[in-house]
Amino acid sequence: MITLDASALYPLAKMAQESGVERAAERILREEAAILDLALYEAANAALVEARRAGPGACRAR
């Protein structure tokens, strides 16, 4: 779900008027994808840090 605050509405409305609703929607989706990519990177990095902190052999199956 995409949530917008009030500060985002005016620029989006202006962009939709100037270049069309489809372009505005494409831009929103690109920005959301970039945010998701960053969130996935941060989660993977946090998992790596925790694994390193736990030390070798901590994640081995028993």
N, C-alpha and C. Protein backbone atom coordinates (compact mmCIF):
# COMPACT_ATOMS: atom_id res chain seq x y z
N MET A 1 0.85 -1.18 0.00
CA MET A 1 0.00 0.00 0.00
C MET A 1 0.89 1.24 0.00
N ILE A 2 0.53 2.21 -0.77
CA ILE A 2 1.28 3.46 -0.84
C ILE A 2 0.55 4.50 -0.01
N THR A 3 1.27 5.11 0.92
CA THR A 3 0.70 6.14 1.78
C THR A 3 1.39 7.46 1.47
N LEU A 4 0.63 8.50 1.22
CA LEU A 4 1.18 9.81 0.92
C LEU A 4 0.79 10.79 1.99
N ASP A 5 1.71 11.65 2.38
CA ASP A 5 1.33 12.72 3.30
C ASP A 5 0.93 13.95 2.47
N ALA A 6 0.42 14.95 3.14
CA ALA A 6 -0.11 16.12 2.44
C ALA A 6 0.96 16.83 1.62
N SER A 7 2.20 16.82 2.08
CA SER A 7 3.26 17.53 1.35
C SER A 7 3.54 16.90 -0.01
N ALA A 8 3.16 15.65 -0.19
CA ALA A 8 3.39 14.97 -1.47
C ALA A 8 2.27 15.21 -2.47
N LEU A 9 1.13 15.64 -2.01
CA LEU A 9 -0.03 15.75 -2.90
C LEU A 9 0.11 16.85 -3.95
N TYR A 10 0.58 18.03 -3.56
CA TYR A 10 0.68 19.13 -4.52
C TYR A 10 1.66 18.80 -5.65
N PRO A 11 2.89 18.35 -5.34
CA PRO A 11 3.80 18.02 -6.44
C PRO A 11 3.25 16.92 -7.35
N LEU A 12 2.57 15.95 -6.77
CA LEU A 12 2.01 14.87 -7.59
C LEU A 12 0.88 15.38 -8.48
N ALA A 13 0.03 16.24 -7.93
CA ALA A 13 -1.05 16.81 -8.73
C ALA A 13 -0.49 17.66 -9.87
N LYS A 14 0.55 18.43 -9.57
CA LYS A 14 1.17 19.26 -10.61
C LYS A 14 1.81 18.38 -11.68
N MET A 15 2.50 17.32 -11.27
CA MET A 15 3.12 16.42 -12.23
C MET A 15 2.05 15.73 -13.08
N ALA A 16 0.95 15.34 -12.46
CA ALA A 16 -0.13 14.68 -13.21
C ALA A 16 -0.72 15.62 -14.26
N GLN A 17 -0.84 16.91 -13.91
CA GLN A 17 -1.36 17.89 -14.87
C GLN A 17 -0.38 18.11 -16.01
N GLU A 18 0.91 18.18 -15.69
CA GLU A 18 1.92 18.50 -16.70
C GLU A 18 2.25 17.31 -17.60
N SER A 19 2.38 16.13 -17.01
CA SER A 19 2.85 15.00 -17.82
C SER A 19 1.90 13.81 -17.83
N GLY A 20 0.78 13.92 -17.17
CA GLY A 20 -0.22 12.87 -17.20
C GLY A 20 -0.22 12.00 -15.95
N VAL A 21 -1.36 11.46 -15.70
CA VAL A 21 -1.56 10.63 -14.51
C VAL A 21 -0.70 9.37 -14.57
N GLU A 22 -0.58 8.80 -15.77
CA GLU A 22 0.20 7.56 -15.90
C GLU A 22 1.66 7.78 -15.54
N ARG A 23 2.22 8.90 -15.96
CA ARG A 23 3.62 9.20 -15.62
C ARG A 23 3.77 9.42 -14.13
N ALA A 24 2.81 10.10 -13.52
CA ALA A 24 2.87 10.32 -12.08
C ALA A 24 2.81 8.99 -11.34
N ALA A 25 1.95 8.09 -11.79
CA ALA A 25 1.84 6.77 -11.17
C ALA A 25 3.13 5.97 -11.34
N GLU A 26 3.74 6.06 -12.53
CA GLU A 26 5.00 5.36 -12.77
C GLU A 26 6.09 5.86 -11.83
N ARG A 27 6.13 7.16 -11.64
CA ARG A 27 7.15 7.73 -10.74
C ARG A 27 6.93 7.26 -9.31
N ILE A 28 5.68 7.26 -8.87
CA ILE A 28 5.39 6.78 -7.51
C ILE A 28 5.85 5.34 -7.36
N LEU A 29 5.56 4.50 -8.33
CA LEU A 29 5.95 3.09 -8.25
C LEU A 29 7.47 2.93 -8.25
N ARG A 30 8.17 3.72 -9.05
CA ARG A 30 9.65 3.66 -9.06
C ARG A 30 10.21 4.04 -7.70
N GLU A 31 9.66 5.10 -7.10
CA GLU A 31 10.13 5.54 -5.79
C GLU A 31 9.84 4.50 -4.72
N GLU A 32 8.66 3.89 -4.78
CA GLU A 32 8.31 2.85 -3.82
C GLU A 32 9.23 1.64 -3.97
N ALA A 33 9.55 1.28 -5.21
CA ALA A 33 10.46 0.15 -5.45
C ALA A 33 11.84 0.44 -4.88
N ALA A 34 12.30 1.68 -5.01
CA ALA A 34 13.60 2.05 -4.46
C ALA A 34 13.58 1.96 -2.94
N ILE A 35 12.48 2.36 -2.32
CA ILE A 35 12.36 2.27 -0.86
C ILE A 35 12.37 0.82 -0.43
N LEU A 36 11.66 -0.04 -1.16
CA LEU A 36 11.64 -1.47 -0.82
C LEU A 36 13.02 -2.08 -0.99
N ASP A 37 13.75 -1.71 -2.05
CA ASP A 37 15.11 -2.21 -2.26
C ASP A 37 16.00 -1.83 -1.09
N LEU A 38 15.88 -0.59 -0.63
CA LEU A 38 16.68 -0.13 0.50
C LEU A 38 16.32 -0.88 1.77
N ALA A 39 15.03 -1.11 1.99
CA ALA A 39 14.59 -1.85 3.19
C ALA A 39 15.12 -3.28 3.17
N LEU A 40 15.08 -3.94 2.01
CA LEU A 40 15.61 -5.30 1.90
C LEU A 40 17.12 -5.32 2.14
N TYR A 41 17.83 -4.34 1.59
CA TYR A 41 19.28 -4.25 1.80
C TYR A 41 19.59 -4.08 3.29
N GLU A 42 18.86 -3.18 3.95
CA GLU A 42 19.11 -2.94 5.37
C GLU A 42 18.81 -4.18 6.21
N ALA A 43 17.75 -4.91 5.87
CA ALA A 43 17.42 -6.14 6.60
C ALA A 43 18.50 -7.20 6.41
N ALA A 44 18.98 -7.35 5.18
CA ALA A 44 20.04 -8.33 4.91
C ALA A 44 21.33 -7.93 5.62
N ASN A 45 21.63 -6.66 5.62
CA ASN A 45 22.83 -6.18 6.30
C ASN A 45 22.73 -6.41 7.81
N ALA A 46 21.57 -6.16 8.40
CA ALA A 46 21.38 -6.40 9.83
C ALA A 46 21.54 -7.88 10.16
N ALA A 47 21.01 -8.75 9.31
CA ALA A 47 21.16 -10.19 9.54
C ALA A 47 22.63 -10.59 9.46
N LEU A 48 23.37 -10.02 8.53
CA LEU A 48 24.80 -10.31 8.40
C LEU A 48 25.57 -9.84 9.63
N VAL A 49 25.26 -8.67 10.11
CA VAL A 49 25.91 -8.14 11.31
C VAL A 49 25.65 -9.05 12.50
N GLU A 50 24.41 -9.49 12.67
CA GLU A 50 24.07 -10.39 13.78
C GLU A 50 24.78 -11.72 13.65
N ALA A 51 24.87 -12.24 12.44
CA ALA A 51 25.56 -13.52 12.23
C ALA A 51 27.04 -13.38 12.56
N ARG A 52 27.63 -12.28 12.17
CA ARG A 52 29.05 -12.05 12.49
C ARG A 52 29.24 -11.89 13.99
N ARG A 53 28.31 -11.23 14.63
CA ARG A 53 28.39 -11.01 16.07
C ARG A 53 28.27 -12.34 16.82
N ALA A 54 27.44 -13.25 16.31
CA ALA A 54 27.23 -14.55 16.95
C ALA A 54 28.46 -15.44 16.83
N GLY A 55 29.25 -15.20 15.81
CA GLY A 55 30.48 -15.97 15.64
C GLY A 55 30.30 -17.17 14.74
N PRO A 56 31.44 -17.78 14.37
CA PRO A 56 31.39 -18.93 13.47
C PRO A 56 30.69 -20.12 14.12
N GLY A 57 29.93 -20.82 13.33
CA GLY A 57 29.26 -22.03 13.82
C GLY A 57 27.95 -21.78 14.54
N ALA A 58 27.58 -20.53 14.78
CA ALA A 58 26.36 -20.25 15.53
C ALA A 58 25.11 -20.59 14.73
N CYS A 59 25.21 -20.59 13.42
CA CYS A 59 24.04 -20.84 12.56
C CYS A 59 24.00 -22.25 12.00
N ARG A 60 24.89 -23.10 12.41
CA ARG A 60 24.91 -24.47 11.88
C ARG A 60 23.73 -25.28 12.40
N ALA A 61 23.21 -26.12 11.53
CA ALA A 61 22.11 -27.01 11.94
C ALA A 61 22.65 -28.08 12.87
N ARG A 62 21.85 -28.46 13.83
CA ARG A 62 22.29 -29.49 14.80
C ARG A 62 21.74 -30.83 14.44
